[in-house]
Each structure stands twice: as C-alpha cells, then as structure tokens.
C-alpha atoms as a PDB file:
ATOM      1  CA  MET A   1     -15.302   0.482  -9.918  1.00  0.00           C
ATOM      2  CA  LYS A   2     -13.861   2.965  -7.452  1.00  0.00           C
ATOM      3  CA  ARG A   3     -10.308   4.012  -8.159  1.00  0.00           C
ATOM      4  CA  ARG A   4      -7.934   3.529  -5.224  1.00  0.00           C
ATOM      5  CA  ASP A   5      -5.062   5.736  -4.164  1.00  0.00           C
ATOM      6  CA  PRO A   6      -1.598   4.710  -5.428  1.00  0.00           C
ATOM      7  CA  TRP A   7      -0.447   3.417  -2.035  1.00  0.00           C
ATOM      8  CA  TRP A   8      -3.519   1.228  -1.401  1.00  0.00           C
ATOM      9  CA  GLY A   9      -2.238  -1.845  -3.242  1.00  0.00           C
ATOM     10  CA  TYR A  10       1.130  -1.615  -1.502  1.00  0.00           C
ATOM     11  CA  MET A  11      -0.565  -1.548   1.905  1.00  0.00           C
ATOM     12  CA  LYS A  12      -2.702  -4.601   1.116  1.00  0.00           C
ATOM     13  CA  GLU A  13       0.339  -6.446  -0.200  1.00  0.00           C
ATOM     14  CA  ILE A  14       2.419  -5.926   2.943  1.00  0.00           C
ATOM     15  CA  LEU A  15      -0.559  -6.990   5.059  1.00  0.00           C
ATOM     16  CA  ARG A  16      -0.820 -10.215   3.055  1.00  0.00           C
ATOM     17  CA  ARG A  17       2.933 -10.880   3.481  1.00  0.00           C
ATOM     18  CA  TYR A  18       2.984 -10.115   7.231  1.00  0.00           C
ATOM     19  CA  PRO A  19       5.055 -11.147   9.221  1.00  0.00           C
ATOM     20  CA  ASP A  20       7.529 -11.676   6.334  1.00  0.00           C
ATOM     21  CA  VAL A  21       7.959  -7.962   5.731  1.00  0.00           C
ATOM     22  CA  GLU A  22      10.675  -5.354   6.200  1.00  0.00           C
ATOM     23  CA  SER A  23      11.216  -4.155   9.763  1.00  0.00           C
ATOM     24  CA  PHE A  24       9.698  -0.702   9.134  1.00  0.00           C
ATOM     25  CA  GLU A  25       6.608  -2.339   7.626  1.00  0.00           C
ATOM     26  CA  LYS A  26       6.259  -4.710  10.583  1.00  0.00           C
ATOM     27  CA  HIS A  27       6.604  -1.791  12.980  1.00  0.00           C
ATOM     28  CA  ALA A  28       3.870   0.122  11.109  1.00  0.00           C
ATOM     29  CA  ILE A  29       1.491  -2.853  11.209  1.00  0.00           C
ATOM     30  CA  ASP A  30       2.173  -3.582  14.881  1.00  0.00           C
ATOM     31  CA  THR A  31       1.686   0.081  15.785  1.00  0.00           C
ATOM     32  CA  ALA A  32      -1.606   0.212  13.874  1.00  0.00           C
ATOM     33  CA  LEU A  33      -2.761  -2.968  15.673  1.00  0.00           C
ATOM     34  CA  ASP A  34      -1.854  -1.444  19.043  1.00  0.00           C
ATOM     35  CA  HIS A  35      -3.771   1.710  18.165  1.00  0.00           C
ATOM     36  CA  MET A  36      -6.775  -0.322  17.037  1.00  0.00           C
ATOM     37  CA  ALA A  37      -6.730  -2.363  20.266  1.00  0.00           C
ATOM     38  CA  GLY A  38      -7.480   0.774  22.244  1.00  0.00           C
ATOM     39  CA  GLN A  39     -10.530   1.664  20.171  1.00  0.00           C
ATOM     40  CA  THR A  40     -14.154   0.760  20.742  1.00  0.00           C
ATOM     41  CA  ASP A  41     -14.640  -2.829  19.462  1.00  0.00           C
ATOM     42  CA  GLY A  42     -10.850  -3.111  19.216  1.00  0.00           C
ATOM     43  CA  GLU A  43     -10.750  -6.859  19.846  1.00  0.00           C
ATOM     44  CA  SER A  44     -13.325  -7.505  17.135  1.00  0.00           C
ATOM     45  CA  LYS A  45     -11.496  -5.238  14.690  1.00  0.00           C
ATOM     46  CA  ILE A  46      -8.208  -7.015  15.272  1.00  0.00           C
ATOM     47  CA  TYR A  47      -9.889 -10.428  14.972  1.00  0.00           C
ATOM     48  CA  LEU A  48     -11.296  -9.378  11.590  1.00  0.00           C
ATOM     49  CA  ILE A  49      -7.871  -8.197  10.385  1.00  0.00           C
ATOM     50  CA  ARG A  50      -6.226 -11.403  11.542  1.00  0.00           C
ATOM     51  CA  LEU A  51      -8.794 -13.643   9.820  1.00  0.00           C
ATOM     52  CA  VAL A  52      -8.598 -11.783   6.516  1.00  0.00           C
ATOM     53  CA  PHE A  53      -4.938 -10.781   6.210  1.00  0.00           C
ATOM     54  CA  PHE A  54      -2.764 -12.803   8.565  1.00  0.00           C
ATOM     55  CA  HIS A  55      -4.456 -16.210   8.813  1.00  0.00           C
ATOM     56  CA  LYS A  56      -6.050 -15.879   5.351  1.00  0.00           C
ATOM     57  CA  THR A  57      -8.890 -18.165   6.410  1.00  0.00           C
ATOM     58  CA  HIS A  58     -11.812 -15.864   5.583  1.00  0.00           C
ATOM     59  CA  THR A  59     -12.983 -13.357   3.063  1.00  0.00           C
ATOM     60  CA  LEU A  60     -14.056 -10.021   4.448  1.00  0.00           C
ATOM     61  CA  ALA A  61     -17.702 -11.126   4.268  1.00  0.00           C
ATOM     62  CA  GLY A  62     -16.901 -14.413   6.026  1.00  0.00           C
ATOM     63  CA  ALA A  63     -14.953 -12.663   8.774  1.00  0.00           C
ATOM     64  CA  ALA A  64     -17.846 -10.232   9.246  1.00  0.00           C
ATOM     65  CA  CYS A  65     -20.164 -13.196   9.854  1.00  0.00           C
ATOM     66  CA  MET A  66     -17.768 -14.659  12.422  1.00  0.00           C
ATOM     67  CA  ILE A  67     -17.689 -11.519  14.589  1.00  0.00           C
ATOM     68  CA  PRO A  68     -20.735 -10.825  13.813  1.00  0.00           C
ATOM     69  CA  VAL A  69     -20.946  -7.388  12.188  1.00  0.00           C
ATOM     70  CA  SER A  70     -22.379  -6.181   8.921  1.00  0.00           C
ATOM     71  CA  TYR A  71     -20.262  -6.359   5.796  1.00  0.00           C
ATOM     72  CA  ASN A  72     -20.237  -2.563   5.603  1.00  0.00           C
ATOM     73  CA  THR A  73     -18.886  -2.295   9.151  1.00  0.00           C
ATOM     74  CA  ALA A  74     -16.207  -4.891   8.390  1.00  0.00           C
ATOM     75  CA  LYS A  75     -15.266  -3.020   5.238  1.00  0.00           C
ATOM     76  CA  ARG A  76     -15.000   0.258   7.169  1.00  0.00           C
ATOM     77  CA  TRP A  77     -12.812  -1.384   9.836  1.00  0.00           C
ATOM     78  CA  GLN A  78     -10.552  -2.877   7.173  1.00  0.00           C
ATOM     79  CA  GLN A  79     -10.205   0.481   5.404  1.00  0.00           C
ATOM     80  CA  GLU A  80      -9.446   2.258   8.690  1.00  0.00           C
ATOM     81  CA  PHE A  81      -6.732  -0.273   9.449  1.00  0.00           C
ATOM     82  CA  ILE A  82      -5.150  -0.001   6.009  1.00  0.00           C
ATOM     83  CA  ARG A  83      -5.095   3.793   6.338  1.00  0.00           C
ATOM     84  CA  ALA A  84      -3.567   3.494   9.823  1.00  0.00           C
ATOM     85  CA  VAL A  85      -0.755   1.304   8.491  1.00  0.00           C
ATOM     86  CA  ALA A  86      -0.172   3.816   5.695  1.00  0.00           C
ATOM     87  CA  CYS A  87       0.091   6.603   8.249  1.00  0.00           C
ATOM     88  CA  HIS A  88       2.728   4.728  10.183  1.00  0.00           C
ATOM     89  CA  ILE A  89       4.715   4.024   7.017  1.00  0.00           C
ATOM     90  CA  LYS A  90       4.594   7.725   6.229  1.00  0.00           C
ATOM     91  CA  CYS A  91       2.358   7.469   3.210  1.00  0.00           C
ATOM     92  CA  ASP A  92       0.341  10.185   4.910  1.00  0.00           C
ATOM     93  CA  GLY A  93       1.410  12.737   2.320  1.00  0.00           C
ATOM     94  CA  LEU A  94      -0.598  10.713  -0.183  1.00  0.00           C
ATOM     95  CA  LEU A  95      -3.675  10.462   2.023  1.00  0.00           C
ATOM     96  CA  LYS A  96      -6.494  12.797   1.140  1.00  0.00           C
ATOM     97  CA  HIS A  97      -7.241  15.594   3.542  1.00  0.00           C
ATOM     98  CA  GLU A  98     -10.281  14.657   5.575  1.00  0.00           C
ATOM     99  CA  PRO A  99     -11.318  17.617   7.742  1.00  0.00           C
ATOM    100  CA  LYS A 100     -10.038  21.014   6.717  1.00  0.00           C
ATOM    101  CA  ASN A 101      -6.278  21.430   7.388  1.00  0.00           C
ATOM    102  CA  SER A 102      -5.959  17.906   8.768  1.00  0.00           C
ATOM    103  CA  THR A 103      -4.964  14.555   7.334  1.00  0.00           C
ATOM    104  CA  TYR A 104      -6.320  11.182   8.347  1.00  0.00           C
ATOM    105  CA  CYS A 105      -3.004  10.595  10.075  1.00  0.00           C
ATOM    106  CA  ASP A 106      -3.524  13.576  12.359  1.00  0.00           C
ATOM    107  CA  THR A 107      -6.619  11.836  13.716  1.00  0.00           C
ATOM    108  CA  MET A 108      -4.555   8.676  14.366  1.00  0.00           C
ATOM    109  CA  SER A 109      -2.411  10.471  16.925  1.00  0.00           C
ATOM    110  CA  GLN A 110      -5.405  11.525  19.025  1.00  0.00           C
END
C-alpha cells in the first residue's frame, strides 16, 4: 500500500464534510473548483468530484463510469483536485517538489 503524505487524510476529510467546514477550508475548495472549471474537461472533473465527495452517491469507479472516463483518469483527476485544495489551504510546504525548484502549487497559479 502506498504511503500518503500527512496532509492527505485531512484534505479528504474536509472534502467529505463540505459545505460544513471552516470558512478558510470552504474558500480553498471553492477556489480549487473554480480553477478546475477552467481546465480541459473541467465540467467532467467537477462532476466527478461532486458525485464522490459532495453528493456521496458514487465510488470513484462508479463516478468514472458515469462520465465516462477510465478509473485511472478519474483517480488522477481526484488526486489533482485534492492537491489543489491543499495548495489553497497552504499545505504547499508539505507538497513534494515536482519539477526542479517548483512545487505543485506553483503550477496551480499558471
């Protein structure tokens, strides 16, 4: 089993509790959703996040079938979203450096 970063569980927990979260957490989630909306396949990505975390009606595999995308694509989208929320909550210091001299959060601002 792959070991997750220390902040990963916290991010998933606030996503499960949304919208009953602290104001800074809600702002981070809403900002990440806005960012995702502007991406390629943004509507599908947001639909997946809503089905899995907010409505809690589907597993990740079930949501992938609804869109339809592969499970691996759905998993990648979910991970990207969780990292985006972490960036907006300022957990970016805990995020691993992706490209040299840059964090994942630096790529979020582009």
